[in-house]
């Protein structure tokens, strides 16, 4: 799996956060996934208000890196 990480543009150091996010979104208590979604929407809105775009860190698509 480690060989595929750069292809999708995820830094290997971020994998623990991605795994945690997936666990929260799959949590059996329906409140937890909904709260996680709301938190992600909030963070996305806050980033867009601050002028930080999710792709500003890596402007080139992963295939061209």
N, C-alpha and C. Protein backbone atom coordinates (compact mmCIF):
# COMPACT_ATOMS: atom_id res chain seq x y z
N UNK A 1 0.81 -1.20 0.00
CA UNK A 1 0.00 0.00 0.00
C UNK A 1 0.86 1.26 0.00
N UNK A 2 1.99 1.24 0.63
CA UNK A 2 2.82 2.42 0.73
C UNK A 2 3.23 2.93 -0.65
N UNK A 3 3.32 2.06 -1.64
CA UNK A 3 3.70 2.50 -2.98
C UNK A 3 2.60 3.29 -3.66
N UNK A 4 1.35 3.14 -3.25
CA UNK A 4 0.26 3.85 -3.91
C UNK A 4 -0.04 5.21 -3.31
N UNK A 5 0.47 5.49 -2.12
CA UNK A 5 0.16 6.74 -1.45
C UNK A 5 0.55 7.97 -2.27
N UNK A 6 1.76 8.07 -2.82
CA UNK A 6 2.10 9.26 -3.59
C UNK A 6 1.23 9.44 -4.84
N UNK A 7 0.70 8.36 -5.37
CA UNK A 7 -0.11 8.46 -6.57
C UNK A 7 -1.39 9.24 -6.30
N UNK A 8 -1.99 9.07 -5.11
CA UNK A 8 -3.22 9.78 -4.82
C UNK A 8 -2.97 11.11 -4.12
N UNK A 9 -1.74 11.45 -3.88
CA UNK A 9 -1.40 12.76 -3.35
C UNK A 9 -1.49 12.89 -1.84
N UNK A 10 -1.41 11.80 -1.12
CA UNK A 10 -1.45 11.87 0.34
C UNK A 10 -0.04 11.67 0.87
N UNK A 11 0.38 12.59 1.70
CA UNK A 11 1.67 12.48 2.36
C UNK A 11 1.61 11.28 3.33
N UNK A 12 2.59 10.41 3.33
CA UNK A 12 2.57 9.26 4.24
C UNK A 12 2.37 9.65 5.71
N UNK A 13 2.81 10.82 6.10
CA UNK A 13 2.62 11.27 7.48
C UNK A 13 1.15 11.57 7.77
N UNK A 14 0.33 11.77 6.73
CA UNK A 14 -1.09 12.08 6.91
C UNK A 14 -1.96 10.83 6.99
N UNK A 15 -1.40 9.66 6.77
CA UNK A 15 -2.20 8.44 6.75
C UNK A 15 -2.92 8.18 8.07
N UNK A 16 -2.30 8.45 9.18
CA UNK A 16 -2.96 8.23 10.47
C UNK A 16 -4.21 9.09 10.59
N UNK A 17 -4.15 10.34 10.09
CA UNK A 17 -5.32 11.22 10.13
C UNK A 17 -6.42 10.73 9.21
N UNK A 18 -6.04 10.22 8.06
CA UNK A 18 -7.03 9.69 7.11
C UNK A 18 -7.71 8.47 7.70
N UNK A 19 -6.93 7.60 8.32
CA UNK A 19 -7.52 6.40 8.95
C UNK A 19 -8.48 6.79 10.07
N UNK A 20 -8.11 7.78 10.87
CA UNK A 20 -8.99 8.23 11.95
C UNK A 20 -10.27 8.82 11.38
N UNK A 21 -10.17 9.59 10.33
CA UNK A 21 -11.34 10.18 9.70
C UNK A 21 -12.28 9.11 9.17
N UNK A 22 -11.74 8.09 8.53
CA UNK A 22 -12.56 6.99 8.02
C UNK A 22 -13.23 6.26 9.18
N UNK A 23 -12.50 6.02 10.27
CA UNK A 23 -13.12 5.37 11.44
C UNK A 23 -14.27 6.20 11.99
N UNK A 24 -14.09 7.51 12.06
CA UNK A 24 -15.16 8.37 12.57
C UNK A 24 -16.37 8.36 11.64
N UNK A 25 -16.12 8.38 10.33
CA UNK A 25 -17.23 8.37 9.38
C UNK A 25 -17.97 7.04 9.36
N UNK A 26 -17.32 5.95 9.78
CA UNK A 26 -17.95 4.63 9.81
C UNK A 26 -18.42 4.24 11.21
N UNK A 27 -18.36 5.13 12.15
CA UNK A 27 -18.72 4.82 13.53
C UNK A 27 -20.17 4.35 13.61
N UNK A 28 -20.45 3.34 14.46
CA UNK A 28 -21.81 2.80 14.55
C UNK A 28 -22.83 3.78 15.15
N UNK A 29 -22.39 4.68 15.99
CA UNK A 29 -23.30 5.68 16.55
C UNK A 29 -23.56 6.73 15.47
N UNK A 30 -24.80 6.92 15.02
CA UNK A 30 -25.08 7.83 13.90
C UNK A 30 -24.71 9.29 14.17
N UNK A 31 -24.56 9.66 15.42
CA UNK A 31 -24.21 11.05 15.74
C UNK A 31 -22.76 11.33 15.36
N UNK A 32 -21.88 10.37 15.56
CA UNK A 32 -20.45 10.58 15.32
C UNK A 32 -20.16 10.88 13.85
N UNK A 33 -20.65 10.09 12.88
CA UNK A 33 -20.39 10.43 11.48
C UNK A 33 -20.98 11.79 11.07
N UNK A 34 -22.16 12.10 11.59
CA UNK A 34 -22.77 13.39 11.24
C UNK A 34 -21.96 14.55 11.80
N UNK A 35 -21.51 14.42 13.03
CA UNK A 35 -20.67 15.47 13.63
C UNK A 35 -19.35 15.61 12.87
N UNK A 36 -18.80 14.50 12.41
CA UNK A 36 -17.57 14.52 11.63
C UNK A 36 -17.79 15.25 10.31
N UNK A 37 -18.90 14.97 9.64
CA UNK A 37 -19.22 15.67 8.38
C UNK A 37 -19.37 17.17 8.60
N UNK A 38 -20.06 17.54 9.68
CA UNK A 38 -20.24 18.96 9.97
C UNK A 38 -18.90 19.63 10.26
N UNK A 39 -18.03 18.94 10.97
CA UNK A 39 -16.71 19.50 11.26
C UNK A 39 -15.90 19.69 9.97
N UNK A 40 -15.99 18.72 9.05
CA UNK A 40 -15.28 18.85 7.77
C UNK A 40 -15.83 20.02 6.95
N UNK A 41 -17.14 20.18 6.95
CA UNK A 41 -17.73 21.33 6.24
C UNK A 41 -17.28 22.65 6.85
N UNK A 42 -17.24 22.71 8.17
CA UNK A 42 -16.78 23.91 8.85
C UNK A 42 -15.34 24.23 8.48
N UNK A 43 -14.48 23.21 8.51
CA UNK A 43 -13.07 23.44 8.17
C UNK A 43 -12.90 23.88 6.73
N UNK A 44 -13.69 23.29 5.83
CA UNK A 44 -13.62 23.69 4.43
C UNK A 44 -14.05 25.15 4.25
N UNK A 45 -15.13 25.54 4.93
CA UNK A 45 -15.60 26.93 4.84
C UNK A 45 -14.58 27.89 5.45
N UNK A 46 -14.00 27.51 6.58
CA UNK A 46 -13.00 28.37 7.22
C UNK A 46 -11.78 28.53 6.32
N UNK A 47 -11.37 27.45 5.66
CA UNK A 47 -10.21 27.53 4.77
C UNK A 47 -10.52 28.41 3.57
N UNK A 48 -11.73 28.32 3.04
CA UNK A 48 -12.06 29.14 1.88
C UNK A 48 -12.16 30.62 2.26
N UNK A 49 -12.63 30.92 3.47
CA UNK A 49 -12.70 32.32 3.92
C UNK A 49 -11.31 32.89 4.13
N UNK A 50 -10.38 32.05 4.55
CA UNK A 50 -9.03 32.55 4.82
C UNK A 50 -8.18 32.64 3.56
N UNK A 51 -8.72 32.15 2.45
CA UNK A 51 -7.99 32.20 1.19
C UNK A 51 -7.06 31.03 0.99
N UNK A 52 -7.10 30.06 1.86
CA UNK A 52 -6.26 28.87 1.73
C UNK A 52 -7.07 27.81 1.00
N UNK A 53 -6.60 27.43 -0.17
CA UNK A 53 -7.31 26.38 -0.90
C UNK A 53 -6.66 25.04 -0.61
N UNK A 54 -7.43 23.95 -0.64
CA UNK A 54 -6.85 22.64 -0.36
C UNK A 54 -5.75 22.27 -1.34
N UNK A 55 -5.80 22.81 -2.54
CA UNK A 55 -4.78 22.45 -3.54
C UNK A 55 -3.63 23.45 -3.60
N UNK A 56 -3.61 24.44 -2.73
CA UNK A 56 -2.54 25.44 -2.81
C UNK A 56 -1.18 24.84 -2.43
N UNK A 57 -1.19 23.79 -1.62
CA UNK A 57 0.08 23.17 -1.22
C UNK A 57 0.74 22.48 -2.40
N UNK A 58 -0.03 21.79 -3.20
CA UNK A 58 0.48 21.07 -4.35
C UNK A 58 -0.32 21.49 -5.57
N UNK A 59 0.18 22.46 -6.30
CA UNK A 59 -0.56 22.99 -7.44
C UNK A 59 -0.65 22.01 -8.59
N UNK A 60 0.36 21.17 -8.77
CA UNK A 60 0.36 20.22 -9.89
C UNK A 60 -0.43 18.97 -9.54
N UNK A 61 -1.18 18.42 -10.48
CA UNK A 61 -1.86 17.15 -10.20
C UNK A 61 -0.86 16.06 -9.85
N UNK A 62 -1.30 15.09 -9.08
CA UNK A 62 -0.40 14.04 -8.59
C UNK A 62 0.27 13.29 -9.73
N UNK A 63 -0.41 13.15 -10.85
CA UNK A 63 0.14 12.39 -11.97
C UNK A 63 1.36 13.10 -12.59
N UNK A 64 1.45 14.42 -12.41
CA UNK A 64 2.54 15.18 -13.03
C UNK A 64 3.73 15.37 -12.09
N UNK A 65 3.61 14.95 -10.83
CA UNK A 65 4.72 15.14 -9.88
C UNK A 65 5.83 14.18 -10.09
